[in-house]
Amino acid sequence: MLNLLVRPIMFISALIAAVFVARDAPNFGVIQMVIGLFLIVALVAIGAFWETLTDRWRSKTKSGEPL
């Protein structure tokens, strides 16, 4: 079950890491893991602050201010 959550994140992190480092470089796995960790942290942060973010976005759109 955890594999279904981690595999897409690692796939995306491999694509991002391939932009910066060659796939056959010795440190590709490390770079991929760091990018994957950043993606996980970003997803958790968005999930944790989702209500605050949506309230702020809604209040800015109602007041007519640009985002």
N, C-alpha and C. Protein backbone atom coordinates (compact mmCIF):
# COMPACT_ATOMS: atom_id res chain seq x y z
N MET A 1 0.82 -1.19 0.00
CA MET A 1 0.00 0.00 0.00
C MET A 1 0.86 1.26 0.00
N LEU A 2 1.89 1.26 0.81
CA LEU A 2 2.79 2.40 0.84
C LEU A 2 3.53 2.55 -0.49
N ASN A 3 3.75 1.42 -1.16
CA ASN A 3 4.40 1.44 -2.46
C ASN A 3 3.59 2.25 -3.47
N LEU A 4 2.28 2.20 -3.39
CA LEU A 4 1.42 2.95 -4.31
C LEU A 4 1.54 4.45 -4.09
N LEU A 5 1.92 4.88 -2.90
CA LEU A 5 2.10 6.30 -2.61
C LEU A 5 3.50 6.78 -2.96
N VAL A 6 4.50 5.94 -2.72
CA VAL A 6 5.89 6.35 -2.89
C VAL A 6 6.33 6.27 -4.35
N ARG A 7 5.86 5.31 -5.08
CA ARG A 7 6.33 5.11 -6.46
C ARG A 7 6.08 6.32 -7.36
N PRO A 8 4.88 6.94 -7.37
CA PRO A 8 4.70 8.13 -8.21
C PRO A 8 5.59 9.31 -7.79
N ILE A 9 5.79 9.47 -6.50
CA ILE A 9 6.65 10.55 -6.02
C ILE A 9 8.09 10.32 -6.47
N MET A 10 8.56 9.08 -6.38
CA MET A 10 9.93 8.78 -6.80
C MET A 10 10.06 8.89 -8.32
N PHE A 11 9.02 8.58 -9.07
CA PHE A 11 9.04 8.74 -10.52
C PHE A 11 9.19 10.21 -10.89
N ILE A 12 8.41 11.06 -10.24
CA ILE A 12 8.49 12.50 -10.51
C ILE A 12 9.85 13.05 -10.08
N SER A 13 10.35 12.59 -8.94
CA SER A 13 11.65 13.07 -8.49
C SER A 13 12.77 12.60 -9.41
N ALA A 14 12.63 11.42 -10.02
CA ALA A 14 13.63 10.95 -10.99
C ALA A 14 13.62 11.83 -12.23
N LEU A 15 12.45 12.24 -12.68
CA LEU A 15 12.37 13.13 -13.83
C LEU A 15 13.03 14.47 -13.54
N ILE A 16 12.77 15.00 -12.35
CA ILE A 16 13.36 16.29 -11.98
C ILE A 16 14.87 16.15 -11.80
N ALA A 17 15.32 15.08 -11.16
CA ALA A 17 16.74 14.88 -10.95
C ALA A 17 17.48 14.67 -12.26
N ALA A 18 16.84 14.06 -13.23
CA ALA A 18 17.48 13.83 -14.53
C ALA A 18 17.75 15.13 -15.27
N VAL A 19 17.03 16.18 -14.94
CA VAL A 19 17.29 17.48 -15.55
C VAL A 19 18.63 18.03 -15.06
N PHE A 20 18.98 17.76 -13.81
CA PHE A 20 20.17 18.34 -13.20
C PHE A 20 21.38 17.40 -13.20
N VAL A 21 21.15 16.10 -13.13
CA VAL A 21 22.23 15.13 -13.01
C VAL A 21 21.99 14.00 -14.01
N ALA A 22 23.06 13.50 -14.61
CA ALA A 22 22.93 12.37 -15.53
C ALA A 22 22.48 11.13 -14.76
N ARG A 23 21.68 10.30 -15.40
CA ARG A 23 21.15 9.11 -14.73
C ARG A 23 22.23 8.11 -14.33
N ASP A 24 23.34 8.11 -15.05
CA ASP A 24 24.40 7.16 -14.71
C ASP A 24 25.43 7.75 -13.75
N ALA A 25 25.18 8.95 -13.24
CA ALA A 25 26.08 9.56 -12.26
C ALA A 25 25.97 8.79 -10.94
N PRO A 26 27.08 8.70 -10.20
CA PRO A 26 27.04 7.94 -8.94
C PRO A 26 26.10 8.52 -7.88
N ASN A 27 25.89 9.82 -7.94
CA ASN A 27 25.05 10.45 -6.91
C ASN A 27 23.60 10.66 -7.37
N PHE A 28 23.18 10.04 -8.46
CA PHE A 28 21.82 10.23 -8.95
C PHE A 28 20.79 9.77 -7.92
N GLY A 29 21.04 8.65 -7.28
CA GLY A 29 20.09 8.14 -6.27
C GLY A 29 19.94 9.08 -5.09
N VAL A 30 21.04 9.71 -4.71
CA VAL A 30 20.99 10.66 -3.58
C VAL A 30 20.19 11.89 -3.98
N ILE A 31 20.47 12.42 -5.16
CA ILE A 31 19.74 13.60 -5.63
C ILE A 31 18.26 13.28 -5.79
N GLN A 32 17.95 12.11 -6.31
CA GLN A 32 16.56 11.70 -6.47
C GLN A 32 15.86 11.61 -5.12
N MET A 33 16.56 11.07 -4.12
CA MET A 33 15.95 10.95 -2.80
C MET A 33 15.74 12.31 -2.15
N VAL A 34 16.66 13.23 -2.34
CA VAL A 34 16.50 14.58 -1.78
C VAL A 34 15.31 15.28 -2.43
N ILE A 35 15.20 15.18 -3.73
CA ILE A 35 14.07 15.81 -4.42
C ILE A 35 12.77 15.13 -4.00
N GLY A 36 12.78 13.81 -3.85
CA GLY A 36 11.59 13.11 -3.37
C GLY A 36 11.18 13.55 -1.98
N LEU A 37 12.18 13.77 -1.13
CA LEU A 37 11.90 14.25 0.23
C LEU A 37 11.29 15.65 0.20
N PHE A 38 11.83 16.52 -0.67
CA PHE A 38 11.25 17.85 -0.82
C PHE A 38 9.81 17.78 -1.31
N LEU A 39 9.53 16.88 -2.24
CA LEU A 39 8.16 16.73 -2.73
C LEU A 39 7.21 16.24 -1.63
N ILE A 40 7.67 15.29 -0.83
CA ILE A 40 6.85 14.79 0.28
C ILE A 40 6.58 15.89 1.29
N VAL A 41 7.62 16.66 1.62
CA VAL A 41 7.46 17.77 2.57
C VAL A 41 6.48 18.80 2.01
N ALA A 42 6.58 19.09 0.72
CA ALA A 42 5.66 20.05 0.11
C ALA A 42 4.22 19.55 0.15
N LEU A 43 4.02 18.26 -0.14
CA LEU A 43 2.67 17.70 -0.09
C LEU A 43 2.10 17.72 1.32
N VAL A 44 2.91 17.40 2.31
CA VAL A 44 2.46 17.43 3.70
C VAL A 44 2.15 18.86 4.13
N ALA A 45 2.99 19.82 3.72
CA ALA A 45 2.75 21.22 4.07
C ALA A 45 1.46 21.73 3.44
N ILE A 46 1.24 21.39 2.19
CA ILE A 46 -0.01 21.80 1.53
C ILE A 46 -1.21 21.17 2.23
N GLY A 47 -1.09 19.91 2.58
CA GLY A 47 -2.18 19.24 3.31
C GLY A 47 -2.42 19.84 4.68
N ALA A 48 -1.35 20.21 5.37
CA ALA A 48 -1.49 20.76 6.72
C ALA A 48 -2.09 22.16 6.70
N PHE A 49 -1.73 22.94 5.70
CA PHE A 49 -2.19 24.33 5.65
C PHE A 49 -3.27 24.56 4.60
N TRP A 50 -3.91 23.49 4.14
CA TRP A 50 -4.89 23.61 3.07
C TRP A 50 -6.02 24.58 3.42
N GLU A 51 -6.57 24.46 4.61
CA GLU A 51 -7.69 25.31 4.99
C GLU A 51 -7.27 26.77 5.05
N THR A 52 -6.10 27.03 5.60
CA THR A 52 -5.60 28.40 5.67
C THR A 52 -5.35 28.97 4.28
N LEU A 53 -4.77 28.16 3.42
CA LEU A 53 -4.48 28.62 2.06
C LEU A 53 -5.77 28.92 1.29
N THR A 54 -6.76 28.05 1.41
CA THR A 54 -8.01 28.29 0.68
C THR A 54 -8.76 29.50 1.25
N ASP A 55 -8.74 29.68 2.56
CA ASP A 55 -9.39 30.86 3.15
C ASP A 55 -8.72 32.14 2.68
N ARG A 56 -7.41 32.14 2.62
CA ARG A 56 -6.68 33.32 2.18
C ARG A 56 -6.96 33.59 0.70
N TRP A 57 -6.98 32.53 -0.12
CA TRP A 57 -7.25 32.71 -1.55
C TRP A 57 -8.66 33.24 -1.78
N ARG A 58 -9.62 32.69 -1.03
CA ARG A 58 -11.01 33.14 -1.18
C ARG A 58 -11.18 34.58 -0.74
N SER A 59 -10.51 34.97 0.34
CA SER A 59 -10.67 36.36 0.82
C SER A 59 -10.03 37.35 -0.16
N LYS A 60 -8.93 36.96 -0.82
CA LYS A 60 -8.31 37.85 -1.80
C LYS A 60 -9.14 37.95 -3.07
N THR A 61 -9.78 36.87 -3.47
CA THR A 61 -10.57 36.92 -4.69
C THR A 61 -11.88 37.69 -4.46
N LYS A 62 -12.42 37.64 -3.27
CA LYS A 62 -13.66 38.37 -2.98
C LYS A 62 -13.40 39.87 -2.88
N SER A 63 -12.22 40.24 -2.39
CA SER A 63 -11.94 41.67 -2.22
C SER A 63 -11.54 42.34 -3.52
N GLY A 64 -11.28 41.57 -4.55
CA GLY A 64 -10.94 42.13 -5.85
C GLY A 64 -9.46 42.41 -6.03
N GLU A 65 -8.64 42.06 -5.05
CA GLU A 65 -7.20 42.26 -5.16
C GLU A 65 -6.60 41.18 -6.05
N PRO A 66 -5.54 41.50 -6.76
CA PRO A 66 -4.88 40.44 -7.53
C PRO A 66 -4.18 39.46 -6.61
N LEU A 67 -4.05 38.21 -7.08
CA LEU A 67 -3.39 37.20 -6.28
C LEU A 67 -1.92 37.51 -6.23
